[in-house]
Amino acid sequence: MIHETIADFAAGLPPEGALAGLDLGDKTIGVAVTDRRRSVATPLETIRRKKFGTDAARLLDIIRTRNLCGIVLGLPFNMDGSEGPRCQSTRAFARNLARLTDLPITYWDERLSTVAAERALLEADTSRARRSEVIDHVAAGYILQGALDRLSHMAANP
């Protein structure tokens, strides 16, 4: 089920269980996961996109093997907050994925997540070649950590 708000998403989650964060690009899908207590997001891998069925099969395999209980998709708003073609593509991906899993799915504003990931990798003196290999799943980590921080804040301030 797709939840438009993080509050609705939180209401559909069990008390414990890991989540996945996804950074959807045209050519790749960055994947990050949390620990069971949802305290920290860790970049996991970058999936080279082929076709939806193949991409979804890999995602469902990650979900199954890591026993995940929810999915956070980065929603690429325009800088002015409007939704463009990339948002529509992400929403279509979410609808298609929701047909294949019962896990709750939500969106998180991903504006500047790739910029933050790039900055962190530059500060870590990561080579250009290595940055291109890991940027998408590092960006997914930023997206997921933002959602985790919001979930934590909501739990502490009901």
Protein backbone atom coordinates (compact mmCIF):
# COMPACT_ATOMS: atom_id res chain seq x y z
CA MET A 1 0.00 0.00 0.00
CA ILE A 2 1.28 3.45 -0.89
CA HIS A 3 1.12 6.11 1.83
CA GLU A 4 1.36 9.73 0.75
CA THR A 5 2.43 10.94 4.19
CA ILE A 6 5.14 9.69 6.51
CA ALA A 7 2.58 9.68 9.35
CA ASP A 8 0.31 7.25 7.50
CA PHE A 9 3.35 5.15 6.63
CA ALA A 10 4.45 5.07 10.29
CA ALA A 11 0.98 3.93 11.35
CA GLY A 12 1.27 0.92 9.04
CA LEU A 13 4.65 -0.24 10.34
CA PRO A 14 5.32 -2.83 13.04
CA PRO A 15 7.16 -1.54 16.15
CA GLU A 16 10.46 -2.99 14.91
CA GLY A 17 11.81 -4.01 11.54
CA ALA A 18 14.21 -2.76 8.93
CA LEU A 19 13.24 -0.45 6.07
CA ALA A 20 14.61 0.07 2.57
CA GLY A 21 15.31 3.43 0.98
CA LEU A 22 15.39 3.76 -2.80
CA ASP A 23 16.91 6.45 -5.01
CA LEU A 24 15.39 5.87 -8.45
CA GLY A 25 17.36 7.10 -11.40
CA ASP A 26 16.98 6.58 -15.12
CA LYS A 27 19.82 4.05 -15.22
CA THR A 28 20.19 2.90 -11.62
CA ILE A 29 18.36 2.31 -8.35
CA GLY A 30 20.32 3.15 -5.23
CA VAL A 31 19.35 0.95 -2.28
CA ALA A 32 19.93 1.62 1.42
CA VAL A 33 18.61 -0.29 4.44
CA THR A 34 18.16 0.32 8.15
CA ASP A 35 18.83 -1.77 11.19
CA ARG A 36 15.85 -3.45 12.89
CA ARG A 37 15.47 -0.58 15.36
CA ARG A 38 15.48 1.96 12.53
CA SER A 39 18.21 4.13 13.97
CA VAL A 40 20.63 4.35 11.06
CA ALA A 41 20.47 4.05 7.28
CA THR A 42 23.28 2.19 5.55
CA PRO A 43 23.95 2.34 1.80
CA LEU A 44 23.69 -1.20 0.41
CA GLU A 45 24.00 -1.44 -3.38
CA THR A 46 23.23 0.10 -6.73
CA ILE A 47 21.05 -1.85 -9.13
CA ARG A 48 21.67 -1.24 -12.83
CA ARG A 49 18.20 -0.76 -14.28
CA LYS A 50 17.08 -3.09 -17.03
CA LYS A 51 13.31 -3.51 -17.16
CA PHE A 52 10.78 -3.21 -14.36
CA GLY A 53 10.34 -6.97 -13.85
CA THR A 54 14.07 -7.57 -13.46
CA ASP A 55 14.55 -4.52 -11.23
CA ALA A 56 11.56 -5.46 -9.05
CA ALA A 57 12.78 -9.06 -8.73
CA ARG A 58 16.12 -7.83 -7.34
CA LEU A 59 14.35 -5.45 -4.94
CA LEU A 60 11.99 -8.19 -3.74
CA ASP A 61 15.00 -10.45 -3.20
CA ILE A 62 16.62 -7.78 -1.00
CA ILE A 63 13.33 -7.29 0.87
CA ARG A 64 12.99 -11.01 1.49
CA THR A 65 16.59 -11.76 2.49
CA ARG A 66 16.79 -8.75 4.81
CA ASN A 67 13.26 -9.25 6.19
CA LEU A 68 12.31 -5.64 5.49
CA CYS A 69 8.97 -4.20 6.58
CA GLY A 70 8.64 -0.98 4.55
CA ILE A 71 9.97 0.99 1.59
CA VAL A 72 10.83 4.70 1.34
CA LEU A 73 11.13 6.04 -2.20
CA GLY A 74 12.93 9.29 -2.85
CA LEU A 75 10.54 11.66 -4.63
CA PRO A 76 12.47 14.04 -6.91
CA PHE A 77 10.53 17.28 -6.56
CA ASN A 78 11.66 20.26 -8.60
CA MET A 79 13.52 22.87 -6.54
CA ASP A 80 10.35 25.00 -6.40
CA GLY A 81 8.45 22.07 -4.84
CA SER A 82 6.46 21.19 -7.95
CA GLU A 83 6.28 17.73 -9.45
CA GLY A 84 7.72 17.08 -12.87
CA PRO A 85 8.17 14.02 -15.09
CA ARG A 86 10.67 12.38 -12.69
CA CYS A 87 8.09 12.47 -9.87
CA GLN A 88 5.50 10.93 -12.18
CA SER A 89 7.96 8.18 -13.10
CA THR A 90 8.70 7.49 -9.41
CA ARG A 91 4.99 7.35 -8.58
CA ALA A 92 4.42 4.91 -11.46
CA PHE A 93 7.28 2.73 -10.19
CA ALA A 94 5.71 2.76 -6.71
CA ARG A 95 2.31 1.75 -8.09
CA ASN A 96 3.86 -1.14 -10.02
CA LEU A 97 5.92 -2.26 -7.01
CA ALA A 98 2.87 -2.07 -4.74
CA ARG A 99 1.21 -4.68 -6.95
CA LEU A 100 4.04 -7.10 -6.10
CA THR A 101 4.37 -6.60 -2.34
CA ASP A 102 2.13 -5.94 0.64
CA LEU A 103 4.78 -3.80 2.33
CA PRO A 104 3.88 -0.18 3.04
CA ILE A 105 5.53 2.26 0.64
CA THR A 106 5.97 5.99 1.15
CA TYR A 107 7.80 8.91 -0.42
CA TRP A 108 10.49 11.20 0.96
CA ASP A 109 11.58 14.50 -0.57
CA GLU A 110 14.94 13.73 -2.12
CA ARG A 111 15.90 17.23 -3.23
CA LEU A 112 19.63 17.70 -2.72
CA SER A 113 20.23 14.12 -1.52
CA THR A 114 22.63 13.46 -4.39
CA VAL A 115 24.36 16.79 -3.73
CA ALA A 116 24.80 15.83 -0.06
CA ALA A 117 26.06 12.37 -1.01
CA GLU A 118 28.54 13.84 -3.51
CA ARG A 119 29.80 16.32 -0.92
CA ALA A 120 30.29 13.56 1.67
CA LEU A 121 32.17 11.40 -0.84
CA LEU A 122 34.39 14.34 -1.85
CA GLU A 123 35.13 15.09 1.82
CA ALA A 124 36.09 11.43 2.24
CA ASP A 125 38.53 11.91 -0.69
CA THR A 126 36.75 9.24 -2.72
CA SER A 127 38.08 8.83 -6.25
CA ARG A 128 35.94 9.91 -9.19
CA ALA A 129 35.57 6.29 -10.37
CA ARG A 130 34.53 5.08 -6.90
CA ARG A 131 32.08 7.99 -6.49
CA SER A 132 30.30 7.00 -9.69
CA GLU A 133 29.98 3.43 -8.38
CA VAL A 134 28.50 4.35 -4.99
CA ILE A 135 26.76 7.72 -5.40
CA ASP A 136 23.28 6.24 -5.94
CA HIS A 137 23.20 4.02 -2.88
CA VAL A 138 24.85 6.73 -0.76
CA ALA A 139 22.07 9.10 -1.92
CA ALA A 140 19.52 6.39 -0.99
CA GLY A 141 21.11 6.40 2.47
CA TYR A 142 20.53 10.16 2.77
CA ILE A 143 16.91 9.76 1.66
CA LEU A 144 16.30 6.94 4.12
CA GLN A 145 18.07 8.70 7.00
CA GLY A 146 15.88 11.77 6.48
CA ALA A 147 12.76 9.61 6.74
CA LEU A 148 14.18 7.81 9.80
CA ASP A 149 14.91 11.10 11.53
CA ARG A 150 11.33 12.23 10.87
CA LEU A 151 9.90 8.93 12.15
CA SER A 152 12.04 9.22 15.28
CA HIS A 153 10.90 12.81 15.85
CA MET A 154 7.25 11.79 15.42
CA ALA A 155 7.65 8.96 17.94
CA ALA A 156 9.25 11.29 20.48
CA ASN A 157 6.64 14.04 19.97
CA PRO A 158 3.28 12.34 19.35
